Protein backbone atom coordinates (compact mmCIF):
# COMPACT_ATOMS: atom_id res chain seq x y z
CA MET A 1 -0.68 21.77 28.38
CA ASP A 2 -0.18 23.36 24.35
CA GLU A 3 -2.89 22.10 22.04
CA ALA A 4 0.02 19.86 20.39
CA ALA A 5 0.98 18.10 23.09
CA ASP A 6 -2.54 17.52 24.37
CA SER A 7 -4.07 16.73 20.83
CA TYR A 8 -2.08 12.94 20.97
CA GLU A 9 -4.23 12.12 24.43
CA GLU A 10 -6.96 10.49 22.71
CA ASP A 11 -8.55 9.82 19.50
CA ARG A 12 -10.57 11.64 17.68
CA GLU A 13 -12.22 13.05 14.38
CA ASN A 14 -14.49 16.13 13.29
CA PHE A 15 -14.61 15.83 9.43
CA GLY A 16 -17.22 19.38 9.50
CA LYS A 17 -19.94 20.00 7.26
CA GLU A 18 -18.26 20.63 4.16
CA THR A 19 -15.26 18.31 3.95
CA ARG A 20 -15.89 15.08 1.27
CA TRP A 21 -14.00 12.30 0.70
CA GLN A 22 -13.96 9.44 -1.75
CA ALA A 23 -12.29 6.15 0.24
CA ILE A 24 -11.51 2.72 -0.38
CA ARG A 25 -11.00 -0.01 2.15
CA ALA A 26 -9.36 -3.59 2.27
CA ASP A 27 -12.31 -4.94 3.80
CA LYS A 28 -15.61 -4.51 5.49
CA SER A 29 -13.78 -4.91 9.38
CA ASP A 30 -13.76 -1.08 9.82
CA ASP A 31 -16.93 0.13 9.65
CA ARG A 32 -16.35 3.62 11.29
CA SER A 33 -19.14 6.09 9.76
CA TRP A 34 -17.39 7.89 7.35
CA LEU A 35 -15.83 4.26 5.97
CA ARG A 36 -19.02 2.59 6.58
CA ASP A 37 -20.45 3.28 2.85
CA THR A 38 -17.15 3.25 0.42
CA PRO A 39 -16.12 0.21 -1.65
CA VAL A 40 -13.95 -2.55 -0.94
CA CYS A 41 -11.40 -3.85 -2.83
CA PRO A 42 -9.54 -7.22 -1.32
CA LEU A 43 -6.45 -6.62 -3.61
CA LEU A 44 -5.60 -3.90 -1.25
CA GLN A 45 -4.69 -6.78 1.65
CA ASN A 46 -1.93 -7.62 -0.40
CA HIS A 47 0.25 -5.05 0.19
CA LEU A 48 -0.89 -4.69 3.86
CA ILE A 49 -2.66 -1.40 3.12
CA ALA A 50 -6.48 -0.71 5.09
CA HIS A 51 -7.80 2.23 3.06
CA VAL A 52 -6.98 4.68 0.76
CA GLY A 53 -8.57 8.29 -0.44
CA LEU A 54 -8.71 11.40 -1.49
CA MET A 55 -10.42 14.27 0.98
CA TRP A 56 -11.29 17.68 0.22
CA ALA A 57 -11.42 19.17 3.54
CA LYS A 58 -12.07 22.60 5.16
CA ALA A 59 -11.75 23.60 9.19
CA PRO A 60 -12.88 22.65 11.43
CA PHE A 61 -11.82 19.01 9.98
CA LYS A 62 -9.08 17.38 12.71
CA VAL A 63 -8.34 13.80 12.92
CA ILE A 64 -6.22 12.63 16.19
CA ARG A 65 -4.78 9.30 16.54
CA SER A 66 -3.30 8.31 19.67
CA GLU A 67 -1.59 5.35 17.98
CA ALA A 68 -1.29 4.83 14.44
CA SER A 69 -2.11 0.94 13.47
CA GLY A 70 0.59 1.18 10.71
CA THR A 71 2.79 3.57 8.46
CA PHE A 72 0.62 6.63 7.29
CA ALA A 73 1.57 8.56 3.85
CA LEU A 74 -0.45 12.08 3.67
CA ILE A 75 0.30 13.74 -0.04
CA GLY A 76 -0.98 17.20 -0.05
CA LEU A 77 -2.83 17.87 -3.91
CA GLU A 78 -3.90 21.94 -3.27
CA GLY A 79 -3.73 24.39 -0.90
CA GLU A 80 -2.34 23.99 2.93
CA GLY A 81 -3.00 21.42 5.80
CA GLU A 82 -1.27 20.58 9.32
CA THR A 83 0.24 17.33 10.56
CA LEU A 84 2.17 17.26 14.09
CA ILE A 85 5.74 16.25 13.82
CA ASP A 86 7.32 16.30 16.96
CA GLY A 87 5.08 18.09 18.91
CA GLN A 88 4.19 20.30 16.70
CA TRP A 89 2.22 21.67 14.06
CA HIS A 90 3.71 21.25 10.31
CA THR A 91 2.41 23.07 7.19
CA LEU A 92 1.76 20.61 4.42
CA VAL A 93 1.76 21.80 0.94
CA GLU A 94 0.90 21.01 -2.69
CA ASN A 95 2.95 18.60 -4.00
CA GLU A 96 5.00 17.74 -0.30
CA ILE A 97 4.91 13.85 1.04
CA CYS A 98 4.53 13.25 4.21
CA LEU A 99 5.15 9.86 5.90
CA LEU A 100 4.32 9.11 9.17
CA PRO A 101 5.88 5.89 10.71
CA ALA A 102 3.58 3.23 12.26
CA PHE A 103 2.68 2.60 16.10
CA ALA A 104 2.91 6.60 16.91
CA PRO A 105 0.52 9.05 17.35
CA THR A 106 -0.58 11.01 14.18
CA ALA A 107 -2.87 14.18 13.66
CA ILE A 108 -3.83 16.17 10.92
CA ARG A 109 -5.97 19.00 9.91
CA ALA A 110 -7.10 21.61 8.10
CA LYS A 111 -5.25 25.21 8.16
CA ASN A 112 -7.83 26.91 7.64
CA ASP A 113 -11.81 27.97 6.19
CA HIS A 114 -9.61 27.42 2.57
CA LEU A 115 -10.04 24.13 0.62
CA TRP A 116 -7.28 21.53 1.91
CA SER A 117 -7.04 18.39 -0.83
CA PHE A 118 -5.26 15.49 -0.02
CA ALA A 119 -4.50 12.00 -0.52
CA TRP A 120 -3.82 8.97 1.95
CA VAL A 121 -2.58 5.73 2.01
CA ARG A 122 -3.19 3.97 5.64
CA TYR A 123 -1.19 0.72 6.64
CA GLU A 124 -2.00 -2.04 8.91
CA GLU A 125 1.36 -3.60 10.18
CA ALA A 126 1.87 -5.78 12.85
CA ARG A 127 4.35 -5.26 15.69
CA GLU A 128 6.31 -8.53 14.70
CA THR A 129 6.78 -7.20 11.00
CA SER A 130 8.81 -4.43 9.43
CA PRO A 131 6.80 -1.59 8.36
CA ILE A 132 6.96 0.11 5.24
CA LEU A 133 8.76 3.39 6.63
CA SER A 134 11.41 1.61 8.66
CA SER A 135 12.64 4.88 10.23
CA ASN A 136 11.48 5.67 13.23
CA SER A 137 10.57 9.16 12.39
CA PRO A 138 8.56 11.19 10.39
CA VAL A 139 9.69 11.93 6.43
CA VAL A 140 8.97 14.99 4.49
CA GLN A 141 9.58 15.28 0.79
CA LYS A 142 8.73 16.89 -2.21
CA GLY A 143 7.62 14.88 -5.23
CA ASN A 144 5.46 14.37 -8.08
CA VAL A 145 1.96 13.30 -6.39
CA LEU A 146 -0.11 13.10 -9.85
CA PRO A 147 0.86 9.31 -10.39
CA LEU A 148 -0.84 8.88 -6.99
CA LYS A 149 -3.78 10.74 -7.23
CA HIS A 150 -4.85 9.58 -10.63
CA ALA A 151 -4.43 6.09 -9.28
CA ILE A 152 -6.42 6.50 -6.20
CA ALA A 153 -9.30 8.11 -8.51
CA GLY A 154 -8.86 5.06 -10.89
CA LEU A 155 -9.68 2.27 -8.41
CA SER A 156 -12.24 4.88 -6.80
CA GLY A 157 -13.91 4.85 -10.18
CA GLU A 158 -13.91 1.14 -11.35
CA LEU A 159 -14.97 0.26 -7.99
CA ILE A 160 -18.05 2.92 -7.57
CA ASN A 161 -19.07 1.79 -11.48
CA ASN A 162 -19.04 -1.80 -10.39
CA ILE A 163 -16.86 -3.01 -13.69
CA GLU A 164 -15.64 -6.36 -12.52
CA GLN A 165 -11.89 -5.97 -14.38
CA PRO A 166 -9.95 -7.10 -11.60
CA ALA A 167 -6.61 -6.83 -13.63
CA ALA A 168 -7.73 -2.90 -14.20
CA LEU A 169 -7.98 -3.08 -10.26
CA HIS A 170 -4.96 -4.95 -9.61
CA HIS A 171 -2.55 -2.26 -11.25
CA TRP A 172 -3.93 0.53 -9.56
CA VAL A 173 -3.49 -1.23 -6.57
CA GLU A 174 -0.02 -1.83 -7.76
CA LEU A 175 0.66 2.14 -8.37
CA ILE A 176 -0.84 3.49 -5.44
CA HIS A 177 1.33 0.86 -3.02
CA GLY A 178 4.80 1.54 -6.08
CA PHE A 179 4.31 5.31 -5.13
CA VAL A 180 4.59 5.08 -1.65
CA ALA A 181 7.26 2.24 -1.36
CA ARG A 182 9.41 4.31 -3.90
CA ALA A 183 8.79 7.60 -1.54
CA ALA A 184 10.31 5.44 1.64
CA SER A 185 11.96 3.43 -0.37
CA PRO A 186 15.70 5.54 0.99
CA PHE A 187 14.56 5.29 4.23
CA GLN A 188 14.28 1.20 4.73
CA ASP A 189 16.74 0.02 7.02
CA ASP A 190 17.88 -3.09 4.87
CA ASP A 191 17.82 -4.05 1.59
CA ARG A 192 19.80 -7.22 1.93
CA LEU A 193 16.89 -9.37 0.15
CA TRP A 194 17.12 -6.38 -3.00
CA ARG A 195 19.44 -8.53 -5.06
CA VAL A 196 17.38 -11.65 -4.48
CA TRP A 197 14.32 -10.35 -5.35
CA GLN A 198 16.29 -9.32 -8.22
CA ALA A 199 17.62 -12.46 -9.14
CA VAL A 200 14.34 -13.69 -9.31
CA GLU A 201 12.27 -11.34 -11.05
CA LYS A 202 14.48 -11.95 -14.09
CA ASP A 203 14.17 -15.86 -14.35
CA LEU A 204 10.51 -16.54 -12.64
CA ALA A 205 10.61 -19.49 -15.04
CA HIS A 206 13.19 -21.29 -12.42
CA ASP A 207 12.31 -23.21 -9.62
CA TRP A 208 13.77 -20.95 -6.82
CA THR A 209 14.59 -22.94 -3.58
CA LEU A 210 15.90 -21.51 -0.34
CA THR A 211 18.82 -22.97 -0.79
CA ASP A 212 18.76 -20.21 -4.18
CA MET A 213 18.34 -17.44 -2.64
CA GLU A 214 20.43 -18.75 0.33
CA SER A 215 23.56 -18.41 -1.71
CA ILE A 216 22.76 -14.48 -3.23
CA ALA A 217 21.58 -13.21 -0.26
CA HIS A 218 24.64 -14.73 1.85
CA LEU A 219 22.28 -15.60 4.44
CA SER A 220 21.94 -18.56 6.42
CA GLN A 221 18.10 -19.80 5.51
CA GLU A 222 17.08 -19.33 8.80
CA HIS A 223 18.18 -15.71 8.82
CA LEU A 224 16.43 -15.33 4.71
CA ARG A 225 13.27 -16.67 6.64
CA ARG A 226 13.15 -13.89 9.43
CA LEU A 227 14.13 -10.95 7.16
CA CYS A 228 11.78 -11.25 5.16
CA GLN A 229 8.88 -11.29 7.31
CA GLN A 230 9.99 -8.62 9.15
CA GLN A 231 10.57 -6.53 5.61
CA LEU A 232 7.61 -8.27 3.54
CA GLY A 233 5.45 -10.09 6.29
CA ARG A 234 5.67 -12.75 3.90
CA SER A 235 7.84 -15.81 3.66
CA PRO A 236 10.51 -15.99 1.10
CA ILE A 237 8.46 -18.69 -1.07
CA GLN A 238 4.91 -16.68 -0.62
CA GLN A 239 6.76 -13.84 -2.03
CA ILE A 240 8.40 -15.42 -4.75
CA THR A 241 4.22 -16.57 -5.40
CA TYR A 242 3.85 -13.00 -5.41
CA LEU A 243 6.10 -12.17 -8.03
CA ARG A 244 4.66 -14.57 -10.31
CA MET A 245 1.09 -14.02 -10.29
CA ARG A 246 2.12 -9.93 -10.50
CA HIS A 247 3.90 -11.09 -13.70
CA ALA A 248 1.41 -13.67 -14.45
CA VAL A 249 -1.42 -11.07 -13.93
CA SER A 250 0.35 -8.64 -16.61
CA LEU A 251 1.07 -11.39 -19.14
CA LEU A 252 -2.78 -12.20 -18.99
CA THR A 253 -3.61 -8.72 -19.64
CA THR A 254 -0.91 -7.27 -22.56
CA THR A 255 -0.72 -10.78 -24.39
CA GLU A 256 -2.53 -13.02 -26.07
CA ASP A 257 -0.32 -15.77 -24.71
CA LYS A 258 -2.18 -19.43 -23.81
CA ILE A 259 -2.47 -20.11 -20.03
CA ASP A 260 -0.08 -23.32 -19.95
CA THR A 261 2.70 -20.76 -21.92
CA ILE A 262 2.12 -17.99 -18.96
CA ALA A 263 2.13 -20.93 -16.33
CA LYS A 264 5.60 -21.98 -17.50
CA ALA A 265 6.49 -18.60 -17.66
CA VAL A 266 6.07 -17.93 -14.44
CA GLY A 267 7.42 -21.04 -12.46
CA TYR A 268 4.67 -23.69 -13.40
CA GLN A 269 4.82 -26.82 -15.19
CA SER A 270 1.06 -27.62 -14.89
CA PRO A 271 -1.34 -25.62 -16.00
CA PHE A 272 -3.77 -26.60 -13.82
CA THR A 273 -1.42 -26.01 -10.27
CA PHE A 274 -0.90 -22.63 -11.80
CA SER A 275 -4.62 -22.00 -12.09
CA ASN A 276 -5.11 -23.14 -8.34
CA ALA A 277 -2.43 -20.67 -7.12
CA PHE A 278 -3.65 -17.95 -9.41
CA LYS A 279 -7.34 -18.51 -8.10
CA ARG A 280 -5.84 -18.36 -4.55
CA TRP A 281 -4.24 -15.18 -5.50
CA THR A 282 -6.42 -13.11 -6.89
CA GLY A 283 -9.78 -15.32 -6.59
CA LYS A 284 -10.35 -15.89 -9.76
CA ARG A 285 -9.32 -18.88 -12.21
CA PRO A 286 -6.56 -17.15 -15.13
CA THR A 287 -8.92 -17.50 -17.88
CA HIS A 288 -12.10 -16.27 -15.99
CA PHE A 289 -9.63 -13.20 -15.05
CA ARG A 290 -8.37 -12.17 -18.71
CA ASP A 291 -12.21 -12.37 -19.96
């Protein structure tokens, strides 16, 4: 059996003595030695992200996963490394984005003694929902990778320096997930919900109901619920709340509008109800978040 085929048989990781990394995890449940002392950002959980980071690796760096728990985005920054694709080692070069599907074996390694710098975003997804990468096979493409590098570095810097600014953390997380989502979007299998969320975002003040969304999507309410759960891991109403809270964060950080004005702009007639919903979503009330 050759090395490529044999590599998937069991999980293993060998970082070597010269490999360095910056990582951020969504919670403390993953306490592997290399993640144990890394900062925690619960906002990553809004996008089902388990951990993200930047790594500067040298041989004998190698990580093997017999079954990935979610979509894995691997982004080449400098130098060259390798990842297993269809049983063969593929060289990942600078400005190359590799998306590896969920629940499939993955493996990466440093190619030689030269420094290999890369970024990663690891999702934690459930089998009953559609992962961010719907394609069943890996995707490799070229792109501008600097926005992701800077977003991860920015999030890491905020957390390492203990800067309690939820608005800033929110923006960094949105930039990280947005980068991966854009890279994966051409390979999504079903975009029937796109026109629904486009309509919702244009009028967040509207009192949206499943009937409204049903007529836009031309789907039954049950089909709409099932499709939304599969694609996003949320119900349609939860997705509307997410879009409202995301816009509220933007208004709180870029305007001086009063809280009741922002509440109405995102569909809440009662500032108290809005404040409670905002706290459930971000962990802080709007006034504290803005401060």
